Protein backbone atom coordinates (compact mmCIF):
# COMPACT_ATOMS: atom_id res chain seq x y z
CA MET A 1 76.66 189.64 71.56
CA THR A 2 75.83 192.31 68.99
CA ALA A 3 72.98 191.75 66.55
CA ARG A 4 75.48 191.55 63.68
CA ASP A 5 77.55 188.88 65.39
CA ALA A 6 74.45 186.95 66.44
CA ILE A 7 73.40 186.86 62.79
CA LEU A 8 76.95 185.79 61.85
CA THR A 9 76.82 182.96 64.39
CA VAL A 10 73.51 181.71 63.05
CA ALA A 11 74.88 181.96 59.51
CA VAL A 12 77.87 179.78 60.47
CA MET A 13 75.55 177.16 61.95
CA ALA A 14 73.47 177.24 58.77
CA LEU A 15 76.62 176.90 56.65
CA TRP A 16 77.75 173.89 58.64
CA GLY A 17 74.30 172.35 58.99
CA PHE A 18 73.70 172.50 55.23
CA ASN A 19 76.96 170.62 54.72
CA PHE A 20 75.13 167.35 55.40
CA VAL A 21 73.10 168.00 52.25
CA ALA A 22 75.96 169.53 50.26
CA ALA A 23 78.10 166.44 50.81
CA LYS A 24 75.56 164.09 49.24
CA PRO A 25 76.39 164.77 45.55
CA GLY A 26 80.06 164.14 46.21
CA LEU A 27 79.35 160.95 48.14
CA ALA A 28 77.04 159.71 45.39
CA GLN A 29 79.88 159.84 42.85
CA ILE A 30 83.19 159.53 44.72
CA PRO A 31 84.07 156.95 47.41
CA PRO A 32 83.82 158.69 50.81
CA ILE A 33 87.36 158.09 52.07
CA LEU A 34 88.83 159.26 48.78
CA LEU A 35 86.54 162.32 48.92
CA MET A 36 87.97 163.15 52.35
CA ALA A 37 91.51 162.81 51.01
CA MET A 38 90.60 165.30 48.28
CA ARG A 39 88.96 167.64 50.79
CA PHE A 40 91.97 167.75 53.06
CA THR A 41 94.36 168.11 50.15
CA LEU A 42 92.48 171.24 49.11
CA VAL A 43 92.36 172.59 52.67
CA ALA A 44 96.10 172.05 53.17
CA ALA A 45 96.97 173.59 49.82
CA LEU A 46 94.93 176.71 50.56
CA LEU A 47 96.06 177.23 54.16
CA GLN A 48 99.66 176.05 54.42
CA PRO A 49 101.21 179.00 52.51
CA PHE A 50 99.88 181.33 55.22
CA VAL A 51 100.65 179.43 58.45
CA ARG A 52 103.59 177.72 60.09
CA LEU A 53 103.70 174.36 61.86
CA PRO A 54 103.11 175.15 65.56
CA ARG A 55 106.32 174.68 67.52
CA GLY A 56 106.43 171.64 69.77
CA LYS A 57 103.07 170.40 68.49
CA LEU A 58 104.19 167.98 65.75
CA GLY A 59 103.48 164.78 67.70
CA GLY A 60 100.08 165.95 68.84
CA ILE A 61 99.03 167.07 65.38
CA LEU A 62 100.19 163.77 63.87
CA ALA A 63 98.10 161.86 66.40
CA LEU A 64 95.14 164.13 65.72
CA SER A 65 95.46 163.55 61.98
CA SER A 66 94.84 159.84 62.64
CA THR A 67 91.92 160.08 65.06
CA LEU A 68 90.15 163.13 63.66
CA GLY A 69 91.40 163.49 60.09
CA CYS A 70 91.45 159.82 59.12
CA LEU A 71 89.23 157.77 61.43
CA HIS A 72 86.52 160.28 62.33
CA PHE A 73 85.95 161.66 58.84
CA SER A 74 86.19 158.26 57.16
CA LEU A 75 83.58 156.81 59.49
CA CYS A 76 81.35 159.90 59.36
CA PHE A 77 81.18 160.19 55.59
CA THR A 78 80.93 156.48 54.96
CA ALA A 79 77.88 156.54 57.23
CA LEU A 80 76.48 159.70 55.64
CA ARG A 81 76.62 158.07 52.20
CA ASP A 82 74.16 155.39 53.33
CA ILE A 83 71.90 157.25 55.74
CA ASP A 84 69.46 160.13 55.41
CA VAL A 85 70.71 163.58 56.32
CA ALA A 86 68.17 164.26 59.06
CA THR A 87 69.12 161.13 61.02
CA ALA A 88 72.85 161.69 60.48
CA ALA A 89 72.63 165.27 61.75
CA ILE A 90 71.03 164.13 65.00
CA ILE A 91 73.18 161.04 65.60
CA SER A 92 76.35 163.08 65.07
CA GLN A 93 75.47 165.07 68.19
CA THR A 94 76.36 162.06 70.36
CA GLN A 95 79.87 163.51 70.13
CA VAL A 96 79.00 165.83 73.04
CA PRO A 97 77.88 163.08 75.50
CA PHE A 98 80.91 161.00 74.49
CA ALA A 99 83.17 164.00 75.17
CA ALA A 100 81.57 164.39 78.60
CA LEU A 101 82.16 160.73 79.45
CA LEU A 102 85.75 160.73 78.26
CA GLY A 103 86.43 163.97 80.10
CA ALA A 104 85.17 162.37 83.30
CA VAL A 105 87.31 159.26 82.82
CA PHE A 106 90.57 160.76 81.58
CA LEU A 107 90.53 164.39 82.75
CA GLY A 108 88.79 164.00 86.07
CA ASP A 109 85.84 166.18 85.07
CA ARG A 110 83.05 165.82 87.58
CA LEU A 111 79.68 164.75 86.21
CA ARG A 112 76.95 166.26 88.35
CA TRP A 113 73.38 165.04 88.30
CA ARG A 114 72.35 167.49 85.56
CA SER A 115 75.13 166.24 83.29
CA LEU A 116 74.22 162.62 84.00
CA LEU A 117 70.60 163.45 83.18
CA GLY A 118 71.72 165.05 79.91
CA LEU A 119 73.75 161.95 79.02
CA ALA A 120 70.84 159.62 79.75
CA ILE A 121 68.36 161.70 77.73
CA ALA A 122 70.69 162.06 74.76
CA PHE A 123 71.47 158.37 74.49
CA ALA A 124 67.81 157.44 75.05
CA GLY A 125 67.00 159.55 72.00
CA VAL A 126 69.59 157.68 69.94
CA VAL A 127 68.16 154.33 71.02
CA LEU A 128 64.69 155.50 70.02
CA ILE A 129 65.94 156.61 66.59
CA ALA A 130 67.75 153.31 66.08
CA GLY A 131 64.49 151.47 66.66
CA GLU A 132 62.86 153.13 63.64
CA PRO A 133 61.92 150.20 61.34
CA ARG A 134 63.55 151.65 58.22
CA LEU A 135 66.80 152.15 60.17
CA SER A 136 66.83 149.00 62.30
CA ALA A 137 66.84 146.86 59.14
CA ASP A 138 70.48 147.84 58.68
CA VAL A 139 72.08 149.53 61.66
CA THR A 140 75.57 149.63 60.14
CA PRO A 141 75.39 153.31 59.06
CA LEU A 142 74.07 154.28 62.50
CA LEU A 143 76.90 152.41 64.21
CA LEU A 144 79.45 154.03 61.92
CA MET A 145 78.10 157.49 62.73
CA ILE A 146 78.17 156.72 66.46
CA ALA A 147 81.74 155.45 66.10
CA ALA A 148 82.62 158.67 64.23
CA SER A 149 81.17 160.71 67.09
CA PHE A 150 83.23 158.72 69.59
CA MET A 151 86.40 159.40 67.59
CA TRP A 152 85.53 163.10 67.58
CA ALA A 153 85.29 162.94 71.38
CA VAL A 154 88.73 161.28 71.54
CA SER A 155 90.14 164.01 69.32
CA SER A 156 88.65 166.69 71.57
CA LEU A 157 90.77 165.34 74.43
CA GLN A 158 93.81 165.49 72.18
CA ILE A 159 93.03 169.13 71.38
CA LYS A 160 92.88 169.91 75.09
CA LYS A 161 96.31 168.35 75.61
CA LEU A 162 97.77 170.31 72.68
CA GLY A 163 97.12 173.56 74.50
CA PRO A 164 96.88 176.94 72.76
CA VAL A 165 97.37 176.61 69.01
CA ASN A 166 96.41 178.66 65.98
CA GLY A 167 93.25 177.13 64.55
CA PHE A 168 94.18 177.63 60.93
CA ALA A 169 97.66 176.17 61.46
CA LEU A 170 96.07 173.17 63.16
CA SER A 171 93.61 172.69 60.28
CA ALA A 172 96.34 173.08 57.66
CA TYR A 173 98.81 170.59 59.08
CA MET A 174 96.26 168.13 60.44
CA SER A 175 94.83 168.03 56.93
CA ALA A 176 98.24 167.58 55.30
CA PHE A 177 99.17 164.72 57.64
CA ALA A 178 95.77 163.05 57.19
CA VAL A 179 95.93 162.93 53.38
CA PRO A 180 98.41 160.01 52.99
CA GLN A 181 96.55 158.03 55.64
CA LEU A 182 93.26 158.55 53.82
CA VAL A 183 94.81 157.63 50.48
CA VAL A 184 96.09 154.34 51.93
CA ALA A 185 92.76 153.65 53.64
CA SER A 186 90.91 154.31 50.39
CA ALA A 187 93.24 151.98 48.49
CA LEU A 188 92.63 149.21 51.03
CA LEU A 189 88.91 149.64 51.67
CA GLU A 190 87.43 151.16 48.52
CA SER A 191 87.37 150.35 44.83
CA GLY A 192 86.67 152.07 41.54
CA GLN A 193 88.41 155.31 42.51
CA LEU A 194 89.82 156.15 39.07
CA ALA A 195 86.54 155.43 37.32
CA ALA A 196 84.67 157.52 39.87
CA LEU A 197 86.98 160.49 39.33
CA ALA A 198 86.72 160.14 35.57
CA HIS A 199 82.92 160.17 35.60
CA ALA A 200 82.29 162.65 38.44
CA ASP A 201 80.42 165.75 37.26
CA TRP A 202 80.47 169.36 38.45
CA ARG A 203 78.13 168.60 41.35
CA ALA A 204 80.70 166.32 42.97
CA TYR A 205 83.41 168.94 42.69
CA ALA A 206 81.07 171.68 43.88
CA SER A 207 80.39 169.48 46.91
CA LEU A 208 84.13 169.14 47.48
CA ALA A 209 84.66 172.90 47.19
CA TYR A 210 81.83 173.60 49.63
CA MET A 211 83.27 171.25 52.24
CA ALA A 212 86.83 172.54 51.94
CA ILE A 213 86.33 176.26 51.35
CA ALA A 214 82.93 177.19 52.76
CA VAL A 215 82.79 174.79 55.72
CA THR A 216 86.40 174.35 56.80
CA ILE A 217 88.03 177.68 55.88
CA ALA A 218 85.30 180.35 55.74
CA GLY A 219 83.20 178.77 58.49
CA TYR A 220 86.08 178.45 60.90
CA ALA A 221 87.34 181.96 60.09
CA ALA A 222 84.02 183.32 61.33
CA TRP A 223 83.89 180.91 64.28
CA TYR A 224 87.40 181.81 65.47
CA TYR A 225 86.48 185.49 65.31
CA LEU A 226 83.40 184.85 67.45
CA LEU A 227 85.33 182.83 70.02
CA ARG A 228 87.97 185.56 70.27
CA SER A 229 85.27 188.18 70.74
CA TYR A 230 82.93 186.45 73.19
CA PRO A 231 83.05 183.93 76.07
CA VAL A 232 82.72 180.31 75.00
CA ASN A 233 79.60 179.83 77.12
CA LEU A 234 77.90 182.62 75.16
CA ALA A 235 78.74 181.17 71.74
CA MET A 236 78.27 177.45 72.43
CA PRO A 237 74.46 177.39 72.85
CA TYR A 238 74.20 178.53 69.23
CA THR A 239 75.75 175.21 68.19
CA LEU A 240 72.44 173.54 68.96
CA LEU A 241 71.20 175.12 65.73
CA LEU A 242 73.65 173.05 63.65
CA PRO A 243 71.66 169.80 63.72
CA VAL A 244 68.44 171.78 63.35
CA PHE A 245 69.69 173.27 60.07
CA GLY A 246 70.92 169.81 59.06
CA VAL A 247 67.54 168.20 59.69
CA VAL A 248 65.53 170.99 58.04
CA SER A 249 67.73 171.08 54.94
CA GLY A 250 67.60 167.28 54.65
CA VAL A 251 63.80 167.25 54.83
CA LEU A 252 63.24 170.25 52.54
CA VAL A 253 65.96 169.71 49.95
CA LEU A 254 66.22 165.92 49.80
CA GLY A 255 62.79 164.94 51.09
CA ASP A 256 64.25 162.85 53.92
CA PRO A 257 61.64 160.95 55.94
CA PHE A 258 61.14 162.28 59.43
CA GLY A 259 58.44 160.29 61.20
CA GLY A 260 57.13 160.49 64.73
CA ARG A 261 59.62 158.07 66.28
CA VAL A 262 62.61 159.87 64.76
CA LEU A 263 61.11 163.24 65.73
CA VAL A 264 60.75 162.24 69.38
CA GLY A 265 64.20 160.65 69.42
CA SER A 266 65.69 163.78 67.85
CA LEU A 267 64.07 166.04 70.42
CA LEU A 268 65.36 163.84 73.24
CA THR A 269 68.89 163.79 71.82
CA LEU A 270 68.96 167.56 71.34
CA ALA A 271 67.52 168.12 74.83
CA GLY A 272 70.26 165.98 76.36
CA VAL A 273 72.96 167.75 74.35
CA ALA A 274 71.47 171.13 75.33
CA ILE A 275 71.83 170.26 79.01
CA LEU A 276 75.47 169.35 78.48
CA VAL A 277 76.37 172.32 76.28
CA VAL A 278 74.54 174.99 78.27
CA ARG A 279 75.63 173.71 81.65
CA ARG A 280 79.17 172.68 80.70
CA PRO A 281 80.31 174.41 77.50
CA TYR A 282 83.97 173.66 78.26
CA LEU A 283 83.34 170.02 77.42
CA VAL A 284 83.72 171.01 73.81
CA GLU A 285 86.90 172.49 72.40
CA PRO A 286 86.31 175.69 70.43
CA GLY A 287 88.71 174.63 67.68
CA VAL A 288 86.84 171.51 66.75
CA THR A 289 83.31 172.06 67.94
CA PRO A 290 80.81 172.30 66.67
CA LYS A 291 82.40 169.80 64.38
CA PRO A 292 81.18 170.35 60.86
CA PRO A 293 80.74 167.07 59.02
């Protein structure tokens, strides 16, 4: 990889990692599921004029809009609203061990001893983080983030079954199909939407713009270029920087607590994920991983 493209790869990870922090102003003012509906509305509106619905992929994209667009993002951002960024950035990485397990069960992927070791280390780190006193008092956000990571792993299997598909077309139509589901979910599970929209300030809408334009469109444009230019196993190790940027930005910008127990748990989780990503990069689909929050 050239020096320029290495810098571009790190910049993409920083862009995505900072999204944990950038989402906070929006989540503080707008209910999370409604915020996701707005995000995907903007993504679809900006991308659809330039791409066509992939032929023969309608059913798969509809299914993906439910698991990834609706369930994953609803769970992830509901959790992120109530948990510190540093912890969320680490817990979200359980998506990789979950993808490995589901690949073994449903795709017949063989888990060798190194992969099993990576799984054990990663989940041990999560257990250690969950035992932190300030987090164990209310584990609901942690469980929601873990559930979000599991839904990401399910969606990664769906992406595999879809086969080759233009990434921007997938993002555009997955987003469009997810919007009505998110609107209904928000109506059923959230309250005060109109008041929240009326009182939201520029920071909430800047947060929305960052998630839709910087993270989803610009970030993936660079990532698709990198994946077209280099082997997946060369690009994937860089994804380990994503949670690092998330943790650092959470601590520096928001002053998130990051004590010894969480530090050790984070290092264990990242070590386990590193074993899985470096040894078996194909566990993660290029189009959806690393999955920006």
